[in-house]
Protein backbone atom coordinates (compact mmCIF):
# COMPACT_ATOMS: atom_id res chain seq x y z
CA MET A 1 -0.12 0.00 0.04
CA ALA A 2 1.18 3.27 -1.16
CA ILE A 3 1.62 5.85 1.97
CA THR A 4 0.80 9.66 0.74
CA SER A 5 3.75 11.96 2.88
CA SER A 6 2.74 14.10 5.25
CA LEU A 7 5.01 16.28 7.26
CA GLY A 8 2.44 17.18 9.96
CA ILE A 9 3.71 20.69 9.86
CA GLY A 10 0.45 21.94 12.03
CA SER A 11 0.09 19.16 14.37
CA GLY A 12 3.47 17.78 15.02
CA MET A 13 2.00 14.37 14.58
CA ASP A 14 3.85 11.60 12.24
CA ILE A 15 0.76 11.29 10.11
CA ASN A 16 2.53 8.70 8.29
CA SER A 17 2.90 6.30 11.00
CA ILE A 18 -0.13 6.49 12.43
CA VAL A 19 -2.06 6.08 8.93
CA THR A 20 0.26 3.13 8.57
CA GLN A 21 -0.65 1.57 12.04
CA LEU A 22 -4.26 2.17 11.43
CA VAL A 23 -4.78 0.74 8.10
CA GLU A 24 -2.82 -2.29 9.05
CA ALA A 25 -5.02 -2.95 12.29
CA GLU A 26 -7.54 -2.84 9.99
CA GLY A 27 -6.99 -5.16 7.64
CA ARG A 28 -4.58 -7.37 9.91
CA PRO A 29 -7.84 -9.99 11.37
CA ALA A 30 -8.56 -10.04 6.94
CA ILE A 31 -5.20 -10.74 5.75
CA GLY A 32 -4.33 -13.25 8.73
CA ALA A 33 -7.51 -15.34 7.71
CA ILE A 34 -7.02 -14.93 4.03
CA THR A 35 -3.25 -15.99 4.95
CA ARG A 36 -4.18 -19.15 7.34
CA LYS A 37 -6.71 -20.25 4.36
CA GLU A 38 -3.69 -20.59 1.78
CA ASP A 39 -0.84 -21.99 3.88
CA ALA A 40 -3.35 -24.96 4.99
CA ALA A 41 -4.21 -25.44 0.94
CA ASN A 42 -0.66 -25.30 -0.07
CA GLU A 43 0.22 -27.84 2.91
CA ARG A 44 -2.28 -30.17 1.59
CA LEU A 45 -1.18 -29.68 -1.83
CA SER A 46 2.23 -30.70 -0.80
CA ALA A 47 0.99 -33.55 1.13
CA LEU A 48 -1.48 -34.85 -1.68
CA GLY A 49 1.99 -34.44 -3.80
CA ARG A 50 3.91 -36.49 -1.67
CA LEU A 51 1.28 -39.39 -1.28
CA LYS A 52 0.63 -39.35 -5.64
CA SER A 53 4.38 -39.30 -6.07
CA SER A 54 4.87 -43.05 -3.65
CA LEU A 55 1.85 -44.04 -4.94
CA SER A 56 2.65 -43.67 -8.36
CA ASP A 57 5.88 -45.15 -7.60
CA PHE A 58 4.27 -48.10 -5.81
CA ARG A 59 2.44 -48.39 -9.80
CA THR A 60 5.64 -48.50 -11.31
CA ALA A 61 7.02 -51.69 -9.18
CA THR A 62 3.51 -53.23 -8.60
CA GLY A 63 3.54 -53.04 -12.79
CA LYS A 64 6.53 -55.06 -13.17
CA LEU A 65 4.93 -57.74 -11.40
CA ASN A 66 1.91 -57.74 -13.68
CA GLU A 67 4.05 -57.72 -16.86
CA ILE A 68 4.03 -60.35 -19.04
CA GLY A 69 7.00 -62.72 -18.13
CA ALA A 70 7.88 -61.56 -14.90
CA PHE A 71 7.45 -65.13 -13.65
CA SER A 72 8.82 -67.07 -16.41
CA THR A 73 12.27 -65.27 -16.57
CA HIS A 74 14.76 -67.81 -16.92
CA GLN A 75 18.83 -67.37 -17.77
CA ALA A 76 21.01 -69.74 -20.02
CA SER A 77 24.55 -70.11 -19.98
CA SER A 78 26.78 -71.64 -22.60
CA GLN A 79 29.41 -73.63 -21.48
CA ASN A 80 31.97 -72.49 -24.35
CA GLU A 81 30.99 -69.38 -25.62
CA GLY A 82 33.94 -68.87 -28.10
CA ILE A 83 31.62 -71.46 -30.39
CA LEU A 84 28.24 -70.30 -29.08
CA THR A 85 26.39 -67.50 -26.66
CA VAL A 86 23.42 -68.07 -25.42
CA THR A 87 20.24 -65.61 -24.25
CA ALA A 88 16.87 -66.70 -22.57
CA ASN A 89 13.92 -65.12 -23.80
CA LEU A 90 10.34 -65.08 -22.88
CA GLY A 91 8.99 -68.73 -23.36
CA ALA A 92 12.19 -70.31 -22.31
CA ALA A 93 11.58 -73.36 -19.99
CA ALA A 94 14.23 -74.93 -17.59
CA GLY A 95 16.62 -77.42 -19.38
CA SER A 96 19.63 -78.84 -20.48
CA TYR A 97 20.95 -79.40 -23.94
CA SER A 98 23.97 -80.95 -25.79
CA LEU A 99 24.97 -78.83 -28.65
CA GLU A 100 27.94 -78.82 -31.27
CA VAL A 101 28.26 -76.34 -33.99
CA GLN A 102 29.34 -78.11 -37.25
CA GLN A 103 28.77 -75.10 -39.77
CA LEU A 104 28.34 -71.54 -39.66
CA ALA A 105 26.03 -69.74 -41.84
CA GLU A 106 27.74 -67.98 -45.12
CA ALA A 107 26.41 -65.22 -47.36
CA HIS A 108 27.24 -65.49 -51.04
CA LYS A 109 30.09 -63.68 -52.31
CA LEU A 110 30.91 -63.24 -56.52
CA THR A 111 33.67 -61.46 -57.49
CA SER A 112 34.33 -60.06 -61.16
CA ASN A 113 37.08 -59.97 -63.23
CA GLY A 114 39.82 -56.79 -62.91
CA TYR A 115 39.13 -53.31 -64.61
CA SER A 116 41.62 -50.61 -65.01
CA GLY A 117 39.30 -48.63 -63.03
CA TYR A 118 36.25 -46.83 -61.57
CA SER A 119 35.54 -45.37 -64.84
CA ASP A 120 36.21 -48.37 -67.04
CA VAL A 121 32.99 -49.15 -69.40
CA VAL A 122 31.46 -52.78 -68.16
CA GLY A 123 29.12 -52.56 -70.99
CA SER A 124 25.05 -51.57 -72.08
CA GLY A 125 22.25 -53.83 -71.92
CA THR A 126 19.92 -55.01 -68.63
CA LEU A 127 21.46 -56.75 -65.63
CA THR A 128 18.89 -59.21 -64.02
CA LEU A 129 19.73 -60.38 -60.34
CA SER A 130 18.00 -63.30 -58.37
CA VAL A 131 18.41 -63.73 -54.60
CA ALA A 132 15.74 -65.84 -52.69
CA GLY A 133 13.13 -65.78 -55.50
CA ASN A 134 13.43 -62.11 -56.16
CA ASP A 135 14.42 -60.62 -59.28
CA PHE A 136 15.23 -56.95 -59.72
CA SER A 137 16.94 -55.77 -63.11
CA VAL A 138 18.83 -52.77 -63.65
CA THR A 139 19.17 -50.71 -66.73
CA LEU A 140 23.03 -49.79 -68.43
CA ASP A 141 23.57 -46.86 -70.64
CA GLY A 142 25.85 -44.22 -71.22
CA SER A 143 25.32 -42.79 -68.48
CA ASN A 144 26.05 -45.56 -66.21
CA ASN A 145 27.50 -48.52 -68.15
CA THR A 146 31.19 -48.13 -65.69
CA LEU A 147 32.20 -50.00 -63.32
CA GLN A 148 31.09 -47.32 -60.91
CA GLY A 149 27.98 -46.95 -62.42
CA VAL A 150 27.19 -50.45 -62.29
CA ARG A 151 27.36 -50.68 -58.62
CA ASP A 152 25.37 -47.65 -57.86
CA ALA A 153 22.67 -48.81 -60.36
CA ILE A 154 22.32 -52.35 -58.07
CA ASN A 155 22.39 -50.21 -54.35
CA GLU A 156 19.88 -47.68 -55.28
CA ALA A 157 17.17 -49.95 -57.52
CA GLY A 158 14.35 -49.74 -55.64
CA ASP A 159 13.68 -53.59 -55.80
CA ASN A 160 16.87 -54.87 -54.59
CA SER A 161 16.04 -56.22 -51.26
CA GLY A 162 19.14 -58.95 -51.53
CA VAL A 163 22.08 -57.70 -52.76
CA ASN A 164 25.27 -55.26 -51.87
CA ALA A 165 27.37 -53.86 -54.53
CA SER A 166 31.03 -53.14 -54.30
CA ILE A 167 34.28 -52.09 -55.42
CA ILE A 168 37.91 -53.31 -54.26
CA ASN A 169 41.10 -52.75 -55.83
CA VAL A 170 43.77 -55.36 -55.62
CA ASP A 171 46.94 -56.42 -56.99
CA ASP A 172 46.86 -57.65 -60.51
CA GLY A 173 50.03 -59.93 -59.96
CA VAL A 174 52.02 -58.17 -62.15
CA GLY A 175 53.08 -55.22 -60.39
CA GLY A 176 49.91 -53.04 -61.05
CA THR A 177 46.27 -52.88 -59.48
CA VAL A 178 42.56 -53.71 -60.76
CA SER A 179 39.40 -53.04 -59.98
CA LYS A 180 36.79 -55.39 -59.39
CA LEU A 181 33.33 -55.51 -58.52
CA VAL A 182 32.27 -57.42 -55.82
CA LEU A 183 28.32 -58.64 -55.09
CA THR A 184 27.46 -60.16 -51.31
CA SER A 185 23.94 -61.70 -50.58
CA LYS A 186 22.35 -59.21 -47.54
CA ASN A 187 21.59 -62.44 -45.57
CA THR A 188 23.31 -65.51 -45.22
CA GLY A 189 21.91 -68.93 -46.02
CA THR A 190 21.83 -71.25 -49.29
CA ALA A 191 18.54 -70.00 -49.95
CA ASN A 192 19.97 -66.60 -50.52
CA SER A 193 22.67 -67.53 -53.17
CA ILE A 194 23.04 -64.85 -56.22
CA SER A 195 22.52 -65.53 -59.94
CA ILE A 196 22.86 -62.86 -62.63
CA THR A 197 21.67 -62.70 -66.57
CA ALA A 198 22.58 -60.54 -68.72
CA THR A 199 20.63 -59.38 -72.04
CA GLU A 200 23.86 -56.93 -73.97
CA ASP A 201 22.96 -54.18 -75.99
CA PRO A 202 25.10 -55.13 -79.39
CA ALA A 203 26.34 -51.83 -79.75
CA VAL A 204 28.49 -51.96 -76.35
CA PRO A 205 28.63 -55.35 -75.30
CA GLY A 206 30.53 -56.75 -72.09
CA LEU A 207 27.92 -57.57 -69.48
CA SER A 208 28.03 -60.79 -70.32
CA SER A 209 31.23 -60.79 -67.89
CA LEU A 210 28.93 -60.27 -65.39
CA VAL A 211 26.72 -63.52 -65.73
CA TYR A 212 26.76 -65.83 -63.15
CA ASP A 213 23.74 -68.50 -64.08
CA PRO A 214 24.90 -72.33 -62.97
CA ALA A 215 21.46 -73.22 -62.69
CA GLY A 216 20.36 -72.15 -65.02
CA SER A 217 22.50 -71.61 -68.22
CA GLY A 218 25.46 -72.90 -66.17
CA ILE A 219 27.63 -70.04 -67.16
CA THR A 220 29.86 -68.52 -64.38
CA ASN A 221 31.90 -65.53 -65.53
CA LEU A 222 31.57 -64.58 -61.91
CA THR A 223 34.22 -65.94 -59.33
CA GLU A 224 32.50 -67.30 -55.98
CA GLN A 225 34.36 -66.23 -53.12
CA ASN A 226 32.21 -67.29 -50.24
CA ALA A 227 29.61 -70.30 -51.30
CA ALA A 228 26.06 -69.62 -49.75
CA GLN A 229 25.74 -71.73 -46.48
CA ASP A 230 23.22 -73.05 -43.66
CA ALA A 231 24.54 -72.99 -40.54
CA LYS A 232 24.24 -76.66 -38.84
CA VAL A 233 23.97 -77.83 -35.30
CA LEU A 234 23.82 -80.66 -33.65
CA VAL A 235 21.24 -80.48 -30.73
CA ASP A 236 21.01 -83.53 -28.27
CA GLY A 237 22.02 -85.33 -31.32
CA GLN A 238 19.74 -84.04 -33.86
CA ILE A 239 20.98 -82.47 -36.71
CA ALA A 240 19.05 -78.32 -37.03
CA THR A 241 19.90 -76.75 -40.26
CA ARG A 242 19.46 -72.54 -40.76
CA SER A 243 19.77 -69.91 -43.06
CA SER A 244 21.35 -67.83 -40.17
CA ASN A 245 23.80 -68.01 -37.17
CA SER A 246 21.79 -66.26 -34.91
CA ILE A 247 18.96 -68.76 -34.35
CA ASP A 248 15.61 -68.33 -32.17
CA ASP A 249 13.62 -71.55 -32.91
CA ILE A 250 15.70 -74.54 -32.20
CA ILE A 251 15.43 -74.56 -28.40
CA GLN A 252 12.11 -72.63 -27.28
CA GLY A 253 12.56 -69.42 -25.74
CA VAL A 254 16.24 -69.31 -26.05
CA THR A 255 18.44 -67.55 -28.86
CA LEU A 256 21.73 -69.22 -30.15
CA ASP A 257 24.24 -66.98 -31.58
CA LEU A 258 26.64 -69.07 -33.47
CA LYS A 259 30.49 -67.77 -33.43
CA THR A 260 32.20 -70.16 -34.75
CA ALA A 261 32.32 -74.49 -35.94
CA GLU A 262 34.01 -76.87 -34.15
CA THR A 263 33.07 -80.46 -35.64
CA GLY A 264 33.44 -83.09 -32.65
CA THR A 265 33.04 -80.34 -29.86
CA ILE A 266 30.36 -80.71 -27.71
CA PHE A 267 29.33 -78.89 -24.88
CA ASN A 268 25.91 -78.11 -22.85
CA VAL A 269 23.71 -75.11 -22.87
CA ASP A 270 21.58 -75.01 -19.29
CA VAL A 271 18.37 -72.81 -19.07
CA THR A 272 17.79 -72.27 -15.25
CA LEU A 273 15.00 -70.05 -13.50
CA ASP A 274 16.33 -66.80 -13.13
CA GLU A 275 15.42 -66.52 -9.15
CA ASP A 276 17.73 -63.17 -8.57
CA GLY A 277 16.02 -61.65 -11.70
CA ILE A 278 12.22 -62.73 -10.29
CA LYS A 279 13.33 -61.89 -6.30
CA GLU A 280 14.69 -58.23 -7.62
CA VAL A 281 11.51 -57.51 -9.03
CA THR A 282 9.56 -58.63 -5.97
CA GLN A 283 11.55 -57.06 -3.46
CA GLY A 284 11.41 -53.29 -5.56
CA PHE A 285 7.53 -54.33 -4.94
CA VAL A 286 7.85 -54.63 -0.96
CA SER A 287 10.35 -51.66 -0.54
CA ALA A 288 7.73 -49.74 -2.49
CA TYR A 289 5.07 -50.93 -0.42
CA ASN A 290 6.75 -50.06 2.75
CA GLY A 291 7.65 -46.37 1.16
CA LEU A 292 4.17 -45.72 0.64
CA MET A 293 2.90 -46.60 3.90
CA SER A 294 6.03 -44.81 5.61
CA ILE A 295 4.37 -41.92 4.33
CA VAL A 296 0.64 -42.71 4.40
CA LYS A 297 1.91 -43.11 8.39
CA ASP A 298 3.67 -39.61 8.60
CA LEU A 299 1.06 -37.65 6.94
CA GLY A 300 -1.25 -39.12 9.34
CA LYS A 301 0.60 -39.03 12.34
CA PHE A 302 -0.60 -37.35 15.66
CA ASP A 303 1.37 -35.78 17.56
CA SER A 304 -0.06 -35.93 21.06
CA GLU A 305 2.97 -34.59 22.97
CA GLY A 306 2.10 -30.93 21.33
CA GLY A 307 4.36 -30.90 18.19
CA LYS A 308 3.69 -30.83 14.34
CA SER A 309 0.70 -33.68 13.58
CA GLY A 310 0.81 -35.17 10.00
CA ALA A 311 -0.80 -32.66 7.11
CA LEU A 312 -3.47 -35.18 6.52
CA ILE A 313 -4.48 -36.31 9.73
CA GLY A 314 -8.35 -37.71 9.66
CA ASP A 315 -8.45 -37.11 6.08
CA SER A 316 -10.91 -39.56 4.26
CA THR A 317 -8.73 -39.60 1.29
CA LEU A 318 -5.57 -41.25 3.12
CA ARG A 319 -7.99 -43.44 5.65
CA ASN A 320 -9.25 -44.67 1.94
CA VAL A 321 -5.25 -45.26 0.40
CA GLN A 322 -4.05 -46.91 3.33
CA SER A 323 -7.08 -49.49 3.78
CA GLN A 324 -7.73 -50.16 0.53
CA ILE A 325 -4.24 -50.81 -0.39
CA ARG A 326 -3.41 -53.15 2.68
CA GLN A 327 -6.65 -54.93 1.74
CA ALA A 328 -5.59 -55.57 -2.16
CA VAL A 329 -2.16 -57.00 -0.45
CA SER A 330 -3.08 -59.07 2.57
CA ASN A 331 -6.58 -60.87 1.10
CA THR A 332 -6.15 -64.15 -0.58
CA VAL A 333 -6.09 -65.02 -4.50
CA SER A 334 -8.69 -67.21 -5.47
CA SER A 335 -7.07 -68.40 -8.96
CA ALA A 336 -3.81 -69.72 -7.44
CA SER A 337 -3.35 -72.92 -5.98
CA SER A 338 -4.33 -73.24 -2.22
CA GLY A 339 -1.25 -74.03 -0.84
CA TYR A 340 0.40 -71.06 -2.49
CA ASN A 341 -2.60 -68.62 -2.14
CA SER A 342 -1.69 -65.57 -1.00
CA LEU A 343 1.71 -63.07 -0.26
CA ALA A 344 2.17 -64.87 3.28
CA MET A 345 2.22 -68.42 1.77
CA ILE A 346 5.35 -67.57 -0.67
CA GLY A 347 7.19 -65.78 1.91
CA ILE A 348 5.93 -61.95 1.67
CA SER A 349 4.84 -60.92 5.37
CA MET A 350 3.89 -57.89 7.46
CA ASP A 351 5.11 -57.42 10.97
CA ARG A 352 2.94 -56.01 13.96
CA GLU A 353 3.98 -52.34 12.64
CA GLY A 354 2.34 -53.04 9.23
CA VAL A 355 6.15 -53.12 7.43
CA MET A 356 6.54 -56.13 4.58
CA SER A 357 9.57 -58.08 4.47
CA LEU A 358 10.85 -61.01 2.22
CA ASN A 359 11.83 -64.02 3.42
CA SER A 360 14.31 -64.91 0.66
CA SER A 361 14.39 -69.07 1.46
CA GLU A 362 10.70 -69.25 1.52
CA PHE A 363 10.24 -67.41 -1.35
CA SER A 364 12.35 -69.20 -3.31
CA ASP A 365 10.86 -72.79 -2.20
CA ALA A 366 7.48 -71.44 -3.43
CA LEU A 367 9.24 -70.64 -6.53
CA GLN A 368 10.54 -74.64 -6.98
CA ASN A 369 7.50 -75.97 -5.83
CA ASN A 370 5.04 -74.17 -7.85
CA LEU A 371 6.07 -71.09 -10.29
CA ASN A 372 2.56 -70.73 -11.75
CA ALA A 373 1.00 -70.37 -8.00
CA VAL A 374 3.42 -67.51 -7.26
CA SER A 375 3.02 -65.92 -10.59
CA ASP A 376 -0.94 -65.99 -10.12
CA VAL A 377 -0.61 -64.48 -6.74
CA PHE A 378 1.01 -61.76 -8.71
CA SER A 379 -0.37 -61.17 -12.14
CA SER A 380 -3.77 -63.57 -12.37
CA SER A 381 -6.63 -61.35 -12.95
CA ASP A 382 -7.19 -61.05 -9.17
CA GLY A 383 -4.15 -61.36 -8.14
CA VAL A 384 -2.28 -59.05 -5.98
CA ALA A 385 -0.66 -56.48 -8.66
CA ALA A 386 -4.07 -56.67 -10.97
CA ARG A 387 -5.70 -56.07 -8.05
CA LEU A 388 -3.24 -52.76 -6.74
CA ASP A 389 -3.68 -51.66 -10.70
CA THR A 390 -7.38 -51.39 -10.70
CA ARG A 391 -7.39 -49.30 -7.20
CA LEU A 392 -4.09 -47.20 -7.75
CA ASP A 393 -6.12 -45.88 -11.18
CA GLN A 394 -8.67 -44.88 -9.02
CA TYR A 395 -6.54 -42.48 -7.34
CA LEU A 396 -3.92 -41.30 -10.11
CA ASN A 397 -5.39 -41.78 -13.51
CA SER A 398 -6.80 -38.17 -14.96
CA GLY A 399 -10.00 -37.19 -13.23
CA GLY A 400 -9.43 -39.43 -10.39
CA THR A 401 -8.86 -38.73 -6.72
CA PHE A 402 -5.46 -36.58 -6.65
CA ASP A 403 -6.35 -34.66 -9.86
CA LEU A 404 -10.19 -33.48 -8.57
CA GLN A 405 -9.12 -32.64 -5.18
CA THR A 406 -5.78 -30.67 -7.04
CA LYS A 407 -7.92 -28.86 -9.09
CA SER A 408 -10.46 -28.11 -6.39
CA LEU A 409 -7.36 -26.75 -4.12
CA ASN A 410 -6.05 -24.44 -6.84
CA LYS A 411 -9.26 -23.09 -7.42
CA GLN A 412 -9.61 -22.06 -3.70
CA LEU A 413 -6.47 -20.85 -3.68
CA SER A 414 -7.25 -18.78 -6.78
CA ARG A 415 -10.33 -17.40 -4.81
CA LEU A 416 -7.91 -16.70 -2.30
CA SER A 417 -5.78 -14.49 -4.16
CA ASP A 418 -9.07 -12.55 -5.33
CA ASP A 419 -10.16 -12.27 -1.87
CA ARG A 420 -6.30 -10.48 -0.47
CA ASP A 421 -6.71 -8.37 -3.85
CA THR A 422 -10.22 -7.04 -2.66
CA VAL A 423 -8.71 -6.02 0.96
CA THR A 424 -5.72 -4.55 -0.60
CA ILE A 425 -7.95 -2.01 -2.81
CA ARG A 426 -10.21 -1.78 0.42
CA LEU A 427 -7.52 -0.72 2.28
CA ASP A 428 -5.74 1.54 0.37
CA ASN A 429 -8.96 3.22 -0.27
CA LEU A 430 -9.02 3.75 3.73
CA GLU A 431 -5.54 4.57 3.40
CA ARG A 432 -6.48 7.54 1.56
CA THR A 433 -9.65 8.97 3.08
CA LEU A 434 -7.34 8.55 6.61
CA MET A 435 -4.65 10.45 4.94
CA LYS A 436 -7.13 13.35 3.54
CA GLN A 437 -8.89 13.46 7.37
CA PHE A 438 -5.20 13.49 8.88
CA ILE A 439 -3.93 16.66 6.54
CA ALA A 440 -7.64 18.17 6.80
CA MET A 441 -6.70 18.36 10.46
CA ASP A 442 -3.30 18.87 10.83
CA VAL A 443 -3.81 21.88 8.38
CA ALA A 444 -6.65 22.73 10.46
CA VAL A 445 -4.24 22.78 13.55
CA GLY A 446 -1.89 24.74 11.99
CA GLN A 447 -4.50 27.56 11.63
CA PHE A 448 -6.04 27.56 15.07
CA GLN A 449 -2.21 27.90 16.49
CA SER A 450 -1.28 30.72 13.83
CA THR A 451 -4.54 32.33 15.21
CA GLY A 452 -3.25 31.69 19.02
CA ALA A 453 0.15 33.09 18.40
CA TYR A 454 -1.49 36.23 16.63
CA LEU A 455 -3.82 36.67 19.54
CA ALA A 456 -1.12 36.45 21.94
CA GLN A 457 0.65 38.92 20.20
CA GLN A 458 -2.00 41.19 20.37
CA LEU A 459 -2.37 41.00 23.79
CA ALA A 460 1.05 40.93 24.92
CA ASN A 461 1.12 44.28 22.75
CA LEU A 462 -1.60 45.32 25.11
């Protein structure tokens, strides 16, 4: 509030100080009430934010237990990673397998005769390349019939799905160098072998030098550097032939990555349940639950010794969160096996203070004895994770409890801000009125003092 300056010349009083104190006294009850309401609303907003954040963390931990495959996690190991590495994926089952890598898959590679350089003319006409039953053609003329032009035409062909073309510069054997076109299949395996036929332009012949058609015309003018070859793996004495060195359909849920072939070298691949991974996810759930309940307790605490109570003490939302979460984690799961149909039955218990803990040994026993039941306790249709997810959605989703309460509190703060502005305007008006009145009084007092002094002087002269 702006204070109009006044010297109090007539009365000698500090008009500014008097007006300021009067205005402050007038506004103190209203401003104080607004401030208390704002503080309460902000404190509740902060408390709801803490609770919502903790519930969100808890939902994340719960969601991991509700994911497909959370309890079908396996780990795989190879006894000879120099020959083969292995990865367990969703759907893997525990087991041990004897493997022998007899042959790696290879990509087909063909090399042309030597040319003096990139700009050498190979020939004009049409080249037709075939890979894995897919044919594509490139047309070569005076604009692109050089060695470089042939390479670029093949690589840039829109329907080329199987061949990479490149040029290498190598010794010619007589002290010079030559350039050669190299054609390599993009994929390994015998099904991806390359064949090439040519239709030459008689005016600019030469494309026939790139023909490679052993199964058709029998002409093979290109040199085969690598024959197309399938991978061969012996699994428990049974042969498996595949076109790739990364194989995910021999052992269900397991990917084999072949590194080298060593016929006669037999080793094991073992697939086991990843208990550590499952326990890590489950412990994350336990920790998130305890973190949530610690915040619930702090926000709802009552300090009988005169300290500060929780910001949400007696709040119905806090009570509902606490009771519904506890109920969801404590009730049995009807779809699970009767021997393992609750958290308590699989080694997850709560003490008298409501603190949850995971008994590693009991949990391991449950995983070994009935993995499906343990999974059902969490992720079946009426499992703990599914029940919690439904309840947490009511609080955390857009339009949920926290969203509605936050919007209501923000509206309340906006109204209080308007109320504060209204009080401020009223006090500003009061200040101006008081200043006018005190200044008028001061002027009158000054006039009275001046008249009195004049009269006193006249009387003294008599």
